[in-house]
PDB file of N, CA and C in Angstrom:
ATOM      1  N   UNK A   1       2.075  14.927  -7.066  1.00  0.00           N
ATOM      2  CA  UNK A   1       3.355  13.713  -6.438  1.00  0.00           C
ATOM      3  C   UNK A   1       3.540  12.632  -7.315  1.00  0.00           C
ATOM      4  N   UNK A   2       4.863  12.397  -7.468  1.00  0.00           N
ATOM      5  CA  UNK A   2       4.652  10.758  -8.200  1.00  0.00           C
ATOM      6  C   UNK A   2       4.660   9.930  -7.248  1.00  0.00           C
ATOM      7  N   UNK A   3       4.727   8.821  -7.962  1.00  0.00           N
ATOM      8  CA  UNK A   3       4.213   7.489  -6.937  1.00  0.00           C
ATOM      9  C   UNK A   3       5.494   6.732  -7.745  1.00  0.00           C
ATOM     10  N   UNK A   4       6.146   5.925  -6.798  1.00  0.00           N
ATOM     11  CA  UNK A   4       6.775   4.534  -7.337  1.00  0.00           C
ATOM     12  C   UNK A   4       6.821   3.474  -6.490  1.00  0.00           C
ATOM     13  N   UNK A   5       6.848   2.340  -6.960  1.00  0.00           N
ATOM     14  CA  UNK A   5       6.852   1.394  -6.554  1.00  0.00           C
ATOM     15  C   UNK A   5       8.113   0.297  -6.326  1.00  0.00           C
ATOM     16  N   UNK A   6       8.096  -0.356  -4.860  1.00  0.00           N
ATOM     17  CA  UNK A   6       9.335  -0.860  -4.829  1.00  0.00           C
ATOM     18  C   UNK A   6       8.836  -2.402  -5.844  1.00  0.00           C
ATOM     19  N   UNK A   7       9.561  -3.103  -5.900  1.00  0.00           N
ATOM     20  CA  UNK A   7       9.848  -4.084  -7.174  1.00  0.00           C
ATOM     21  C   UNK A   7       8.936  -5.254  -6.637  1.00  0.00           C
ATOM     22  N   UNK A   8       9.018  -5.053  -5.245  1.00  0.00           N
ATOM     23  CA  UNK A   8       8.043  -6.850  -4.438  1.00  0.00           C
ATOM     24  C   UNK A   8       6.892  -6.079  -4.502  1.00  0.00           C
ATOM     25  N   UNK A   9       6.276  -4.715  -4.613  1.00  0.00           N
ATOM     26  CA  UNK A   9       5.084  -4.398  -4.232  1.00  0.00           C
ATOM     27  C   UNK A   9       3.842  -4.926  -5.534  1.00  0.00           C
ATOM     28  N   UNK A  10       4.304  -4.847  -6.678  1.00  0.00           N
ATOM     29  CA  UNK A  10       3.737  -5.287  -8.124  1.00  0.00           C
ATOM     30  C   UNK A  10       3.179  -6.727  -7.586  1.00  0.00           C
ATOM     31  N   UNK A  11       4.425  -7.577  -6.868  1.00  0.00           N
ATOM     32  CA  UNK A  11       3.764  -9.236  -6.508  1.00  0.00           C
ATOM     33  C   UNK A  11       2.528  -9.184  -5.396  1.00  0.00           C
ATOM     34  N   UNK A  12       2.804  -8.424  -4.554  1.00  0.00           N
ATOM     35  CA  UNK A  12       2.107  -8.245  -3.376  1.00  0.00           C
ATOM     36  C   UNK A  12       0.525  -8.154  -3.813  1.00  0.00           C
ATOM     37  N   UNK A  13       0.324  -7.285  -4.517  1.00  0.00           N
ATOM     38  CA  UNK A  13      -0.740  -6.649  -5.116  1.00  0.00           C
ATOM     39  C   UNK A  13      -1.297  -7.914  -6.231  1.00  0.00           C
ATOM     40  N   UNK A  14      -0.363  -8.569  -7.142  1.00  0.00           N
ATOM     41  CA  UNK A  14      -1.023  -9.438  -8.051  1.00  0.00           C
ATOM     42  C   UNK A  14      -1.615 -10.524  -6.765  1.00  0.00           C
ATOM     43  N   UNK A  15      -0.790 -11.005  -6.023  1.00  0.00           N
ATOM     44  CA  UNK A  15      -1.348 -11.994  -5.389  1.00  0.00           C
ATOM     45  C   UNK A  15      -2.624 -11.767  -4.332  1.00  0.00           C
ATOM     46  N   UNK A  16      -2.662 -10.585  -3.762  1.00  0.00           N
ATOM     47  CA  UNK A  16      -3.819 -10.388  -3.229  1.00  0.00           C
ATOM     48  C   UNK A  16      -4.926 -10.061  -4.228  1.00  0.00           C
ATOM     49  N   UNK A  17      -5.003  -9.449  -5.555  1.00  0.00           N
ATOM     50  CA  UNK A  17      -6.167  -9.555  -6.782  1.00  0.00           C
ATOM     51  C   UNK A  17      -6.163 -11.248  -6.836  1.00  0.00           C
ATOM     52  N   UNK A  18      -5.248 -12.099  -7.125  1.00  0.00           N
ATOM     53  CA  UNK A  18      -5.934 -13.008  -7.473  1.00  0.00           C
ATOM     54  C   UNK A  18      -6.539 -14.192  -6.415  1.00  0.00           C
ATOM     55  N   UNK A  19      -6.351 -13.999  -5.359  1.00  0.00           N
ATOM     56  CA  UNK A  19      -6.705 -14.336  -4.092  1.00  0.00           C
ATOM     57  C   UNK A  19      -7.991 -14.063  -4.045  1.00  0.00           C
ATOM     58  N   UNK A  20      -8.409 -12.872  -4.477  1.00  0.00           N
ATOM     59  CA  UNK A  20      -9.889 -12.201  -3.990  1.00  0.00           C
ATOM     60  C   UNK A  20     -10.380 -12.652  -5.170  1.00  0.00           C
ATOM     61  N   UNK A  21     -10.224 -12.617  -6.464  1.00  0.00           N
ATOM     62  CA  UNK A  21     -10.869 -13.078  -7.638  1.00  0.00           C
ATOM     63  C   UNK A  21     -11.290 -14.544  -7.301  1.00  0.00           C
ATOM     64  N   UNK A  22     -10.429 -14.941  -7.041  1.00  0.00           N
ATOM     65  CA  UNK A  22     -10.983 -16.955  -6.300  1.00  0.00           C
ATOM     66  C   UNK A  22     -12.133 -16.941  -5.522  1.00  0.00           C
ATOM     67  N   UNK A  23     -12.482 -15.883  -4.662  1.00  0.00           N
ATOM     68  CA  UNK A  23     -13.248 -15.409  -3.724  1.00  0.00           C
ATOM     69  C   UNK A  23     -14.548 -15.512  -4.306  1.00  0.00           C
ATOM     70  N   UNK A  24     -14.585 -14.307  -5.114  1.00  0.00           N
ATOM     71  CA  UNK A  24     -15.532 -13.892  -5.690  1.00  0.00           C
ATOM     72  C   UNK A  24     -15.391 -13.003  -6.851  1.00  0.00           C
ATOM     73  N   UNK A  25     -15.608 -13.532  -8.425  1.00  0.00           N
ATOM     74  CA  UNK A  25     -15.830 -12.696  -9.443  1.00  0.00           C
ATOM     75  C   UNK A  25     -15.685 -11.095  -9.167  1.00  0.00           C
ATOM     76  N   UNK A  26     -15.022 -10.318  -9.844  1.00  0.00           N
ATOM     77  CA  UNK A  26     -14.915  -8.995  -9.764  1.00  0.00           C
ATOM     78  C   UNK A  26     -14.259  -8.250  -8.367  1.00  0.00           C
ATOM     79  N   UNK A  27     -14.278  -9.087  -7.485  1.00  0.00           N
ATOM     80  CA  UNK A  27     -13.800  -8.410  -5.748  1.00  0.00           C
ATOM     81  C   UNK A  27     -12.479  -8.467  -5.994  1.00  0.00           C
ATOM     82  N   UNK A  28     -11.557  -8.937  -6.806  1.00  0.00           N
ATOM     83  CA  UNK A  28     -10.026  -8.324  -7.174  1.00  0.00           C
ATOM     84  C   UNK A  28      -9.987  -7.356  -7.693  1.00  0.00           C
ATOM     85  N   UNK A  29     -11.232  -7.091  -8.527  1.00  0.00           N
ATOM     86  CA  UNK A  29     -10.913  -5.478  -9.139  1.00  0.00           C
ATOM     87  C   UNK A  29     -11.541  -4.404  -8.129  1.00  0.00           C
ATOM     88  N   UNK A  30     -12.479  -4.731  -7.355  1.00  0.00           N
ATOM     89  CA  UNK A  30     -12.640  -4.026  -6.354  1.00  0.00           C
ATOM     90  C   UNK A  30     -11.704  -3.571  -5.555  1.00  0.00           C
ATOM     91  N   UNK A  31     -10.955  -4.539  -5.328  1.00  0.00           N
ATOM     92  CA  UNK A  31      -9.588  -4.580  -4.322  1.00  0.00           C
ATOM     93  C   UNK A  31      -8.650  -3.331  -5.419  1.00  0.00           C
ATOM     94  N   UNK A  32      -8.400  -3.589  -6.492  1.00  0.00           N
ATOM     95  CA  UNK A  32      -7.770  -2.892  -7.304  1.00  0.00           C
ATOM     96  C   UNK A  32      -8.187  -1.460  -7.224  1.00  0.00           C
ATOM     97  N   UNK A  33      -9.367  -1.034  -7.579  1.00  0.00           N
ATOM     98  CA  UNK A  33      -9.769   0.466  -7.739  1.00  0.00           C
ATOM     99  C   UNK A  33      -9.780   0.914  -6.353  1.00  0.00           C
ATOM    100  N   UNK A  34      -9.888   0.274  -4.957  1.00  0.00           N
ATOM    101  CA  UNK A  34      -9.538   0.886  -3.823  1.00  0.00           C
ATOM    102  C   UNK A  34      -8.053   1.171  -3.666  1.00  0.00           C
ATOM    103  N   UNK A  35      -7.369   0.240  -4.133  1.00  0.00           N
ATOM    104  CA  UNK A  35      -5.786   0.755  -4.390  1.00  0.00           C
ATOM    105  C   UNK A  35      -5.577   1.807  -4.863  1.00  0.00           C
ATOM    106  N   UNK A  36      -6.108   1.783  -5.899  1.00  0.00           N
ATOM    107  CA  UNK A  36      -5.917   2.531  -7.021  1.00  0.00           C
ATOM    108  C   UNK A  36      -6.436   4.301  -6.408  1.00  0.00           C
ATOM    109  N   UNK A  37      -7.799   4.203  -5.573  1.00  0.00           N
ATOM    110  CA  UNK A  37      -7.740   5.290  -5.169  1.00  0.00           C
ATOM    111  C   UNK A  37      -6.976   6.020  -4.031  1.00  0.00           C
ATOM    112  N   UNK A  38      -6.367   5.210  -3.120  1.00  0.00           N
ATOM    113  CA  UNK A  38      -5.503   5.549  -1.919  1.00  0.00           C
ATOM    114  C   UNK A  38      -4.398   6.000  -2.760  1.00  0.00           C
ATOM    115  N   UNK A  39      -3.931   5.477  -3.842  1.00  0.00           N
ATOM    116  CA  UNK A  39      -2.644   5.824  -4.273  1.00  0.00           C
ATOM    117  C   UNK A  39      -2.884   7.110  -4.942  1.00  0.00           C
ATOM    118  N   UNK A  40      -4.186   7.735  -5.323  1.00  0.00           N
ATOM    119  CA  UNK A  40      -4.103   9.202  -5.692  1.00  0.00           C
ATOM    120  C   UNK A  40      -4.282   9.720  -4.501  1.00  0.00           C
ATOM    121  N   UNK A  41      -4.795   9.314  -3.169  1.00  0.00           N
ATOM    122  CA  UNK A  41      -4.960   9.924  -2.308  1.00  0.00           C
ATOM    123  C   UNK A  41      -3.327  10.396  -1.632  1.00  0.00           C
ATOM    124  N   UNK A  42      -2.707   9.558  -1.508  1.00  0.00           N
ATOM    125  CA  UNK A  42      -1.235   9.665  -1.134  1.00  0.00           C
ATOM    126  C   UNK A  42      -0.155  10.704  -2.064  1.00  0.00           C
ATOM    127  N   UNK A  43      -0.500  10.672  -3.708  1.00  0.00           N
ATOM    128  CA  UNK A  43      -0.349  11.400  -4.369  1.00  0.00           C
ATOM    129  C   UNK A  43      -0.421  12.591  -3.946  1.00  0.00           C
ATOM    130  N   UNK A  44      -1.612  12.808  -3.447  1.00  0.00           N
ATOM    131  CA  UNK A  44      -2.527  14.297  -3.560  1.00  0.00           C
ATOM    132  C   UNK A  44      -1.813  14.801  -2.231  1.00  0.00           C
ATOM    133  N   UNK A  45      -1.940  14.264  -1.014  1.00  0.00           N
ATOM    134  CA  UNK A  45      -1.502  14.159  -0.012  1.00  0.00           C
ATOM    135  C   UNK A  45      -0.501  13.638   0.724  1.00  0.00           C
ATOM    136  N   UNK A  46       1.054  13.794   0.734  1.00  0.00           N
ATOM    137  CA  UNK A  46       1.588  12.453   0.957  1.00  0.00           C
ATOM    138  C   UNK A  46       2.077  12.796   2.395  1.00  0.00           C
ATOM    139  N   UNK A  47       1.432  13.809   3.273  1.00  0.00           N
ATOM    140  CA  UNK A  47       1.725  13.894   4.518  1.00  0.00           C
ATOM    141  C   UNK A  47       0.748  13.665   5.355  1.00  0.00           C
ATOM    142  N   UNK A  48      -0.266  13.168   4.998  1.00  0.00           N
ATOM    143  CA  UNK A  48      -1.796  13.231   5.278  1.00  0.00           C
ATOM    144  C   UNK A  48      -1.881  12.378   6.437  1.00  0.00           C
ATOM    145  N   UNK A  49      -1.390  11.077   6.263  1.00  0.00           N
ATOM    146  CA  UNK A  49      -1.438  10.376   7.431  1.00  0.00           C
ATOM    147  C   UNK A  49      -0.166   9.882   7.814  1.00  0.00           C
ATOM    148  N   UNK A  50      -0.732   8.909   9.322  1.00  0.00           N
ATOM    149  CA  UNK A  50       0.331   9.159  10.521  1.00  0.00           C
ATOM    150  C   UNK A  50       1.426   8.293  10.185  1.00  0.00           C
ATOM    151  N   UNK A  51       2.641   8.675  10.786  1.00  0.00           N
ATOM    152  CA  UNK A  51       3.519   8.128  10.352  1.00  0.00           C
ATOM    153  C   UNK A  51       3.354   6.608  11.150  1.00  0.00           C
ATOM    154  N   UNK A  52       4.421   5.858  11.216  1.00  0.00           N
ATOM    155  CA  UNK A  52       4.524   4.205  11.615  1.00  0.00           C
ATOM    156  C   UNK A  52       5.059   4.081  12.897  1.00  0.00           C
ATOM    157  N   UNK A  53       4.560   3.731  13.941  1.00  0.00           N
ATOM    158  CA  UNK A  53       5.364   3.650  15.180  1.00  0.00           C
ATOM    159  C   UNK A  53       6.787   3.199  15.269  1.00  0.00           C
ATOM    160  N   UNK A  54       7.854   3.631  15.613  1.00  0.00           N
ATOM    161  CA  UNK A  54       8.760   3.327  15.624  1.00  0.00           C
ATOM    162  C   UNK A  54       9.760   3.697  14.346  1.00  0.00           C
ATOM    163  N   UNK A  55       9.240   4.654  13.552  1.00  0.00           N
ATOM    164  CA  UNK A  55       9.880   4.560  12.037  1.00  0.00           C
ATOM    165  C   UNK A  55       9.407   6.313  11.688  1.00  0.00           C
ATOM    166  N   UNK A  56      10.792   6.881  11.733  1.00  0.00           N
ATOM    167  CA  UNK A  56      10.850   8.619  11.834  1.00  0.00           C
ATOM    168  C   UNK A  56       9.982   8.998  10.250  1.00  0.00           C
ATOM    169  N   UNK A  57       9.719   8.187   9.457  1.00  0.00           N
ATOM    170  CA  UNK A  57       9.746   8.574   7.982  1.00  0.00           C
ATOM    171  C   UNK A  57       8.227   7.758   7.602  1.00  0.00           C
ATOM    172  N   UNK A  58       8.228   6.337   7.488  1.00  0.00           N
ATOM    173  CA  UNK A  58       7.492   5.926   6.813  1.00  0.00           C
ATOM    174  C   UNK A  58       5.712   5.852   7.099  1.00  0.00           C
ATOM    175  N   UNK A  59       4.910   6.256   6.375  1.00  0.00           N
ATOM    176  CA  UNK A  59       3.544   6.233   6.916  1.00  0.00           C
ATOM    177  C   UNK A  59       2.786   5.472   5.943  1.00  0.00           C
ATOM    178  N   UNK A  60       1.365   5.226   6.427  1.00  0.00           N
ATOM    179  CA  UNK A  60       0.696   4.079   6.325  1.00  0.00           C
ATOM    180  C   UNK A  60      -0.758   4.433   6.022  1.00  0.00           C
ATOM    181  N   UNK A  61      -1.205   3.940   4.863  1.00  0.00           N
ATOM    182  CA  UNK A  61      -2.655   4.264   4.833  1.00  0.00           C
ATOM    183  C   UNK A  61      -3.702   2.767   4.761  1.00  0.00           C
ATOM    184  N   UNK A  62      -4.584   2.841   5.642  1.00  0.00           N
ATOM    185  CA  UNK A  62      -5.241   1.513   5.330  1.00  0.00           C
ATOM    186  C   UNK A  62      -6.433   1.776   4.526  1.00  0.00           C
ATOM    187  N   UNK A  63      -6.683   0.497   3.634  1.00  0.00           N
ATOM    188  CA  UNK A  63      -7.825   0.367   2.891  1.00  0.00           C
ATOM    189  C   UNK A  63      -9.146   0.643   3.394  1.00  0.00           C
ATOM    190  N   UNK A  64     -10.310   0.828   3.204  1.00  0.00           N
ATOM    191  CA  UNK A  64     -11.623   0.828   3.880  1.00  0.00           C
ATOM    192  C   UNK A  64     -12.349  -0.502   3.912  1.00  0.00           C
ATOM    193  N   UNK A  65     -12.242  -1.290   2.573  1.00  0.00           N
ATOM    194  CA  UNK A  65     -13.225  -2.550   2.831  1.00  0.00           C
ATOM    195  C   UNK A  65     -12.124  -3.827   2.956  1.00  0.00           C
ATOM    196  N   UNK A  66     -10.535  -3.602   2.858  1.00  0.00           N
ATOM    197  CA  UNK A  66     -10.212  -4.818   2.671  1.00  0.00           C
ATOM    198  C   UNK A  66      -9.079  -5.020   3.531  1.00  0.00           C
ATOM    199  N   UNK A  67      -8.397  -6.007   3.853  1.00  0.00           N
ATOM    200  CA  UNK A  67      -7.428  -5.916   5.157  1.00  0.00           C
ATOM    201  C   UNK A  67      -5.891  -5.796   4.673  1.00  0.00           C
ATOM    202  N   UNK A  68      -5.857  -4.484   4.209  1.00  0.00           N
ATOM    203  CA  UNK A  68      -4.691  -4.046   3.994  1.00  0.00           C
ATOM    204  C   UNK A  68      -4.257  -2.668   4.072  1.00  0.00           C
ATOM    205  N   UNK A  69      -2.824  -2.126   4.155  1.00  0.00           N
ATOM    206  CA  UNK A  69      -2.207  -1.219   4.062  1.00  0.00           C
ATOM    207  C   UNK A  69      -1.080  -0.942   3.320  1.00  0.00           C
ATOM    208  N   UNK A  70      -1.207   0.102   2.950  1.00  0.00           N
ATOM    209  CA  UNK A  70      -0.276   0.772   1.796  1.00  0.00           C
ATOM    210  C   UNK A  70       0.871   1.485   2.783  1.00  0.00           C
ATOM    211  N   UNK A  71       1.854   1.047   2.983  1.00  0.00           N
ATOM    212  CA  UNK A  71       3.165   1.563   3.646  1.00  0.00           C
ATOM    213  C   UNK A  71       4.215   2.603   2.442  1.00  0.00           C
ATOM    214  N   UNK A  72       4.655   3.306   3.069  1.00  0.00           N
ATOM    215  CA  UNK A  72       5.040   4.223   2.080  1.00  0.00           C
ATOM    216  C   UNK A  72       5.806   5.528   2.576  1.00  0.00           C
ATOM    217  N   UNK A  73       6.939   5.792   2.162  1.00  0.00           N
ATOM    218  CA  UNK A  73       8.257   6.987   2.075  1.00  0.00           C
ATOM    219  C   UNK A  73       7.714   7.895   1.299  1.00  0.00           C
ATOM    220  N   UNK A  74       7.285   9.234   2.142  1.00  0.00           N
ATOM    221  CA  UNK A  74       7.199  10.654   1.432  1.00  0.00           C
ATOM    222  C   UNK A  74       8.718  10.912   1.506  1.00  0.00           C
ATOM    223  N   UNK A  75       9.048  11.777  -0.079  1.00  0.00           N
ATOM    224  CA  UNK A  75      10.376  12.037  -0.176  1.00  0.00           C
ATOM    225  C   UNK A  75      10.341  13.441  -0.972  1.00  0.00           C
ATOM    226  N   UNK A  76      10.983  14.317  -1.185  1.00  0.00           N
ATOM    227  CA  UNK A  76      10.746  15.483  -2.044  1.00  0.00           C
ATOM    228  C   UNK A  76      10.893  15.042  -3.735  1.00  0.00           C
ATOM    229  N   UNK A  77       9.284  15.568  -4.052  1.00  0.00           N
ATOM    230  CA  UNK A  77       9.114  15.099  -5.506  1.00  0.00           C
ATOM    231  C   UNK A  77       8.309  13.878  -5.634  1.00  0.00           C
ATOM    232  N   UNK A  78       8.546  12.895  -4.557  1.00  0.00           N
ATOM    233  CA  UNK A  78       8.125  11.594  -4.705  1.00  0.00           C
ATOM    234  C   UNK A  78       7.938  10.665  -3.609  1.00  0.00           C
ATOM    235  N   UNK A  79       7.147   9.865  -4.004  1.00  0.00           N
ATOM    236  CA  UNK A  79       6.836   9.173  -2.709  1.00  0.00           C
ATOM    237  C   UNK A  79       7.267   7.256  -3.184  1.00  0.00           C
ATOM    238  N   UNK A  80       7.513   6.493  -2.453  1.00  0.00           N
ATOM    239  CA  UNK A  80       8.029   5.407  -2.494  1.00  0.00           C
ATOM    240  C   UNK A  80       7.115   4.526  -1.984  1.00  0.00           C
ATOM    241  N   UNK A  81       6.156   3.613  -2.442  1.00  0.00           N
ATOM    242  CA  UNK A  81       5.065   2.445  -1.789  1.00  0.00           C
ATOM    243  C   UNK A  81       6.371   1.369  -1.674  1.00  0.00           C
ATOM    244  N   UNK A  82       6.077   1.034  -0.391  1.00  0.00           N
ATOM    245  CA  UNK A  82       7.237  -0.042  -0.049  1.00  0.00           C
ATOM    246  C   UNK A  82       6.578  -1.431   0.269  1.00  0.00           C
ATOM    247  N   UNK A  83       5.170  -1.460   0.825  1.00  0.00           N
ATOM    248  CA  UNK A  83       4.651  -2.344   0.725  1.00  0.00           C
ATOM    249  C   UNK A  83       3.457  -2.361   0.375  1.00  0.00           C
ATOM    250  N   UNK A  84       2.519  -3.123  -0.041  1.00  0.00           N
ATOM    251  CA  UNK A  84       1.026  -3.640   0.249  1.00  0.00           C
ATOM    252  C   UNK A  84       0.727  -4.777   1.212  1.00  0.00           C
ATOM    253  N   UNK A  85       0.878  -4.355   2.476  1.00  0.00           N
ATOM    254  CA  UNK A  85       0.891  -5.144   3.354  1.00  0.00           C
ATOM    255  C   UNK A  85      -0.834  -5.695   4.036  1.00  0.00           C
ATOM    256  N   UNK A  86      -0.889  -7.383   4.213  1.00  0.00           N
ATOM    257  CA  UNK A  86      -1.850  -7.663   5.064  1.00  0.00           C
ATOM    258  C   UNK A  86      -1.781  -7.236   6.174  1.00  0.00           C
ATOM    259  N   UNK A  87      -2.784  -6.859   6.617  1.00  0.00           N
ATOM    260  CA  UNK A  87      -2.985  -6.484   8.197  1.00  0.00           C
ATOM    261  C   UNK A  87      -2.810  -7.427   9.375  1.00  0.00           C
ATOM    262  N   UNK A  88      -3.030  -8.646   9.255  1.00  0.00           N
ATOM    263  CA  UNK A  88      -2.695  -9.633   9.961  1.00  0.00           C
ATOM    264  C   UNK A  88      -1.373 -10.823   9.938  1.00  0.00           C
ATOM    265  N   UNK A  89      -0.544 -10.107   8.904  1.00  0.00           N
ATOM    266  CA  UNK A  89       0.611 -11.093   8.766  1.00  0.00           C
ATOM    267  C   UNK A  89       1.953 -10.524   8.417  1.00  0.00           C
ATOM    268  N   UNK A  90       2.898 -10.851   8.813  1.00  0.00           N
ATOM    269  CA  UNK A  90       4.544 -10.195   9.099  1.00  0.00           C
ATOM    270  C   UNK A  90       4.179  -9.153   9.289  1.00  0.00           C
ATOM    271  N   UNK A  91       3.831  -8.322  10.670  1.00  0.00           N
ATOM    272  CA  UNK A  91       4.143  -6.743  10.369  1.00  0.00           C
ATOM    273  C   UNK A  91       6.120  -6.459  10.282  1.00  0.00           C
ATOM    274  N   UNK A  92       6.202  -5.506   9.762  1.00  0.00           N
ATOM    275  CA  UNK A  92       7.618  -4.791   9.707  1.00  0.00           C
ATOM    276  C   UNK A  92       8.356  -5.532   8.578  1.00  0.00           C
ATOM    277  N   UNK A  93       8.041  -6.248   7.994  1.00  0.00           N
ATOM    278  CA  UNK A  93       8.477  -7.098   6.643  1.00  0.00           C
ATOM    279  C   UNK A  93       9.278  -6.502   5.646  1.00  0.00           C
ATOM    280  N   UNK A  94       8.444  -5.203   5.745  1.00  0.00           N
ATOM    281  CA  UNK A  94       8.971  -4.166   4.595  1.00  0.00           C
ATOM    282  C   UNK A  94      10.347  -3.542   4.904  1.00  0.00           C
ATOM    283  N   UNK A  95      10.469  -2.996   6.128  1.00  0.00           N
ATOM    284  CA  UNK A  95      11.462  -2.048   6.766  1.00  0.00           C
ATOM    285  C   UNK A  95      12.790  -2.768   6.114  1.00  0.00           C
ATOM    286  N   UNK A  96      12.742  -3.889   5.451  1.00  0.00           N
ATOM    287  CA  UNK A  96      14.304  -4.059   4.796  1.00  0.00           C
ATOM    288  C   UNK A  96      14.368  -3.740   3.210  1.00  0.00           C
ATOM    289  N   UNK A  97      13.091  -3.257   2.803  1.00  0.00           N
ATOM    290  CA  UNK A  97      12.931  -2.507   1.157  1.00  0.00           C
ATOM    291  C   UNK A  97      13.583  -1.073   0.938  1.00  0.00           C
ATOM    292  N   UNK A  98      14.028  -0.288   2.261  1.00  0.00           N
ATOM    293  CA  UNK A  98      14.855   0.807   2.243  1.00  0.00           C
ATOM    294  C   UNK A  98      15.987   0.715   1.365  1.00  0.00           C
TER     295      UNK A  98
END
């Protein structure tokens, strides 16, 4: 299944990457690797993860090592990534991205 990114998701990933690179060289690359693995899993099995509370469509995948969730909507033939969301900041901000 194809995966598309909302326009603002790239900025979120880039900001997280930059922050982790400042913490330790290559840590940002580890974040990107885990993100890419999660995206591949979403593409292969888009309905595997639970729906988000109070939302009939959106689903969420949590990264294993980093405090981020990938919020996405599965559609026929593609998934749209709505947010790369830090788990401790601004819950629900992504809902306006539909």
